[in-house]
Protein backbone atom coordinates (compact mmCIF):
# COMPACT_ATOMS: atom_id res chain seq x y z
CA MET A 1 -122.53 33.20 138.33
CA ASN A 2 -123.73 33.98 141.75
CA ARG A 3 -123.17 30.56 143.69
CA THR A 4 -119.93 30.21 144.92
CA ALA A 5 -117.26 28.12 142.44
CA THR A 6 -114.99 24.94 143.34
CA PRO A 7 -111.41 23.76 141.97
CA ASP A 8 -113.68 20.89 139.94
CA ASP A 9 -115.08 24.20 138.66
CA TYR A 10 -112.31 25.16 136.98
CA ARG A 11 -111.98 21.11 134.69
CA ALA A 12 -114.00 22.77 132.17
CA PHE A 13 -113.05 26.00 131.91
CA LEU A 14 -109.14 24.37 132.00
CA ARG A 15 -110.45 22.45 128.96
CA GLN A 16 -111.29 24.96 126.76
CA PHE A 17 -107.98 26.08 125.95
CA HIS A 18 -106.58 22.84 126.21
CA SER A 19 -109.34 20.26 126.45
CA PRO A 20 -106.70 16.93 125.38
CA ILE A 21 -105.35 17.83 129.24
CA ASP A 22 -105.84 14.66 131.11
CA ASP A 23 -107.24 14.66 134.79
CA THR A 24 -104.04 13.70 136.45
CA SER A 25 -102.56 16.57 135.34
CA LEU A 26 -105.31 19.23 136.62
CA ASP A 27 -105.50 16.63 139.38
CA LEU A 28 -102.40 17.59 140.00
CA LEU A 29 -102.39 21.25 139.55
CA LEU A 30 -106.19 21.42 141.48
CA SER A 31 -104.37 20.09 145.06
CA LYS A 32 -101.98 22.65 144.78
CA LEU A 33 -104.27 26.06 145.28
CA THR A 34 -104.84 26.92 148.54
CA PRO A 35 -107.86 29.29 150.05
CA LEU A 36 -107.81 32.75 150.04
CA SER A 37 -110.36 35.43 151.15
CA ILE A 38 -110.76 39.66 151.03
CA ARG A 39 -112.96 41.15 152.34
CA LYS A 40 -115.12 44.45 149.75
CA GLY A 41 -112.82 47.44 149.00
CA GLU A 42 -108.90 45.01 150.04
CA TYR A 43 -106.79 44.93 147.69
CA LEU A 44 -104.90 41.77 145.66
CA ILE A 45 -102.30 43.46 144.77
CA GLU A 46 -101.28 46.90 145.36
CA ALA A 47 -98.77 48.75 142.89
CA GLY A 48 -95.62 48.67 143.44
CA GLN A 49 -95.89 45.34 144.93
CA VAL A 50 -94.38 41.90 143.08
CA GLN A 51 -97.79 39.25 142.46
CA GLN A 52 -96.55 35.99 144.13
CA GLN A 53 -99.88 34.17 143.52
CA LEU A 54 -101.58 33.39 140.59
CA MET A 55 -105.92 34.18 141.68
CA PHE A 56 -108.63 31.29 140.53
CA VAL A 57 -111.69 33.54 141.48
CA TYR A 58 -114.37 31.30 143.27
CA LYS A 59 -116.53 34.19 144.19
CA GLY A 60 -116.82 37.74 143.76
CA VAL A 61 -115.85 40.57 141.21
CA GLN A 62 -112.43 42.40 141.33
CA ILE A 63 -111.26 45.25 138.36
CA THR A 64 -107.71 45.35 137.81
CA CYS A 65 -106.51 49.53 137.19
CA PHE A 66 -103.62 51.73 137.28
CA ASP A 67 -103.59 55.41 138.73
CA ASN A 68 -101.78 58.06 136.26
CA ASP A 69 -102.06 61.55 138.06
CA GLY A 70 -105.11 60.82 140.20
CA ASP A 71 -107.54 59.20 138.01
CA GLU A 72 -107.82 55.30 137.63
CA HIS A 73 -108.23 53.55 134.72
CA VAL A 74 -109.37 49.60 134.50
CA ILE A 75 -107.85 47.38 132.59
CA THR A 76 -109.61 44.00 133.36
CA PHE A 77 -112.34 42.72 135.83
CA SER A 78 -112.21 39.04 137.17
CA TYR A 79 -114.83 36.75 138.73
CA PRO A 80 -115.44 32.88 137.79
CA LEU A 81 -114.73 31.75 136.08
CA SER A 82 -111.67 33.68 135.82
CA LEU A 83 -107.98 34.69 136.66
CA ALA A 84 -107.38 37.22 138.93
CA GLY A 85 -103.92 38.43 137.97
CA ILE A 86 -101.39 41.04 136.61
CA PRO A 87 -99.58 39.12 134.02
CA ASP A 88 -96.45 41.35 133.66
CA SER A 89 -95.95 41.14 137.85
CA PHE A 90 -96.45 37.84 138.06
CA LEU A 91 -94.44 36.16 134.99
CA TYR A 92 -91.41 38.15 135.63
CA GLN A 93 -92.02 38.24 139.35
CA ILE A 94 -91.02 42.05 139.33
CA PRO A 95 -92.77 45.33 141.26
CA SER A 96 -96.67 45.77 139.60
CA GLN A 97 -98.02 48.89 138.00
CA ASP A 98 -101.59 47.91 138.36
CA SER A 99 -103.67 46.54 141.06
CA ILE A 100 -106.34 44.20 142.02
CA ARG A 101 -109.31 45.26 144.34
CA ALA A 102 -112.53 43.02 145.12
CA LEU A 103 -115.50 45.00 144.03
CA SER A 104 -117.28 42.21 146.20
CA ASP A 105 -116.42 39.51 148.80
CA SER A 106 -113.87 37.38 147.02
CA GLU A 107 -112.41 34.23 147.25
CA PHE A 108 -109.80 32.33 145.92
CA GLY A 109 -107.31 29.61 145.08
CA CYS A 110 -104.30 30.42 144.89
CA ILE A 111 -100.91 28.83 143.48
CA SER A 112 -97.47 30.62 143.88
CA PHE A 113 -95.05 31.23 141.23
CA ASP A 114 -92.62 28.95 141.91
CA THR A 115 -95.20 25.75 142.70
CA LEU A 116 -96.27 26.82 139.21
CA GLN A 117 -93.11 26.73 138.03
CA GLN A 118 -92.40 23.60 139.50
CA LEU A 119 -95.70 21.69 138.08
CA PHE A 120 -94.26 23.21 134.49
CA ASP A 121 -91.27 21.23 134.52
CA GLU A 122 -93.05 17.80 136.22
CA SER A 123 -96.21 18.53 133.82
CA GLN A 124 -96.04 19.00 129.81
CA PRO A 125 -99.70 18.83 129.83
CA LEU A 126 -100.07 21.68 132.03
CA GLU A 127 -97.00 24.11 130.69
CA ARG A 128 -98.59 23.81 127.34
CA LEU A 129 -102.39 25.09 129.06
CA PHE A 130 -100.89 27.88 130.51
CA ARG A 131 -98.93 29.17 127.43
CA LYS A 132 -102.18 28.22 124.99
CA MET A 133 -104.38 30.99 128.45
CA ILE A 134 -101.17 33.11 127.53
CA GLU A 135 -101.78 32.84 124.29
CA ALA A 136 -105.44 33.91 123.94
CA LYS A 137 -105.19 36.27 126.55
CA LEU A 138 -102.53 37.89 123.84
CA VAL A 139 -105.53 37.37 121.48
CA GLY A 140 -107.90 39.10 123.44
CA LEU A 141 -106.09 42.13 124.61
CA ILE A 142 -104.98 42.61 120.53
CA THR A 143 -109.27 42.66 119.99
CA ARG A 144 -109.42 45.71 122.73
CA HIS A 145 -106.74 47.47 121.18
CA LYS A 146 -107.95 47.96 117.54
CA GLU A 147 -111.95 48.54 119.59
CA PHE A 148 -110.30 51.40 120.91
CA HIS A 149 -108.11 52.30 117.92
CA ALA A 150 -110.71 51.33 115.30
CA TYR A 151 -114.27 51.77 116.76
CA THR A 152 -116.63 54.88 117.91
CA ILE A 153 -117.81 54.49 121.34
CA ARG A 154 -121.48 52.72 120.49
CA GLU A 155 -119.64 49.94 118.74
CA ARG A 156 -117.04 49.40 121.56
CA PHE A 157 -119.95 49.96 124.18
CA GLN A 158 -121.95 46.87 121.37
CA ARG A 159 -119.03 44.67 121.41
CA PHE A 160 -118.78 44.48 124.80
CA ALA A 161 -122.04 43.56 125.15
CA GLN A 162 -121.80 40.81 122.98
CA ARG A 163 -118.88 39.39 124.26
CA SER A 164 -119.65 39.76 128.11
CA ALA A 165 -123.39 41.20 128.95
CA HIS A 166 -123.34 39.32 132.73
CA LEU A 167 -121.13 41.78 133.76
CA PHE A 168 -123.85 44.67 133.42
CA GLN A 169 -125.63 42.30 136.61
CA LEU A 170 -121.72 42.24 138.00
CA VAL A 171 -119.81 45.25 138.23
CA PRO A 172 -121.11 48.93 138.74
CA HIS A 173 -121.61 50.39 135.56
CA LYS A 174 -118.72 53.84 136.04
CA TYR A 175 -116.37 50.52 135.82
CA ILE A 176 -117.19 49.10 132.89
CA ALA A 177 -117.48 52.90 131.76
CA ASN A 178 -113.85 53.50 132.51
CA TYR A 179 -112.80 50.33 131.14
CA LEU A 180 -114.36 50.87 127.68
CA ASN A 181 -113.50 54.62 127.90
CA ILE A 182 -116.51 56.13 127.44
CA ASP A 183 -117.97 59.01 129.22
CA PRO A 184 -120.14 57.97 131.92
CA THR A 185 -123.47 60.80 130.88
CA ASN A 186 -123.29 58.50 127.24
CA PHE A 187 -122.48 55.29 129.13
CA SER A 188 -125.91 55.50 130.59
CA LYS A 189 -127.35 57.00 127.10
CA LEU A 190 -126.20 54.08 125.22
CA TYR A 191 -127.51 51.28 128.02
CA ASN A 192 -130.38 52.82 128.36
CA SER A 193 -130.83 52.43 125.11
CA THR A 194 -130.18 48.86 124.61
CA SER A 195 -133.06 46.79 124.23
CA TRP A 196 -132.33 43.94 126.55
C-alpha cells in the first residue's frame, strides 16, 4: 500500500468491475491520464469549485468531506488503488458542496470530464466499465446508509474493520471516527479492545 501505483496497476483494479474489458479499451483510457502532484494539506477540490478531472490515485491518502456550520464531516477516503472524485460535481459539472484534501503527499493520473465523454463515445466497453463502477459505488453508499441507521457504534466499527482494516494504518484515527460518526473517545476504546 505504501508503494506508488502506476497506470498499469489499474488494469486489474478496473477489471474487478468489468472483467471482459479488452486491453485496447484500457490502453485508450490509461493513455489519456495526465500526472498531478499535490502536497499534504492541499486541496484537490474545494467547496464551490466544479470538479473538472477524475483522479486515479497513484500515491497518498485523501479525504472527501463537507463543512456544516464549521464542523467537518468525512464522507470517504481515497488511496491507491481507487479514484478520487466528487460524483455529483464531476458527473453533472456543477459546483461541489464538498472538498477533497490530501492527508499526505499525493500523486494522481487525471482525466478531464470532456476527454472521458469522448472516450465513452468511442468505446462502449469503457462506457459500460464506468457504469458498473458507478453501480458499485451506489451499492456501497446504500450499505453505509443502512449501517448508520440500523447498527450500533460497535457494529459500525466492526464492519469497517472487516472491509477496510488497512485504513487504520493509513489514516489518522480521528478521521475514521468522524467517518463512522463515533465519538473519538469511544472510537479509541473500540480500537484498543479489538484483537488485531
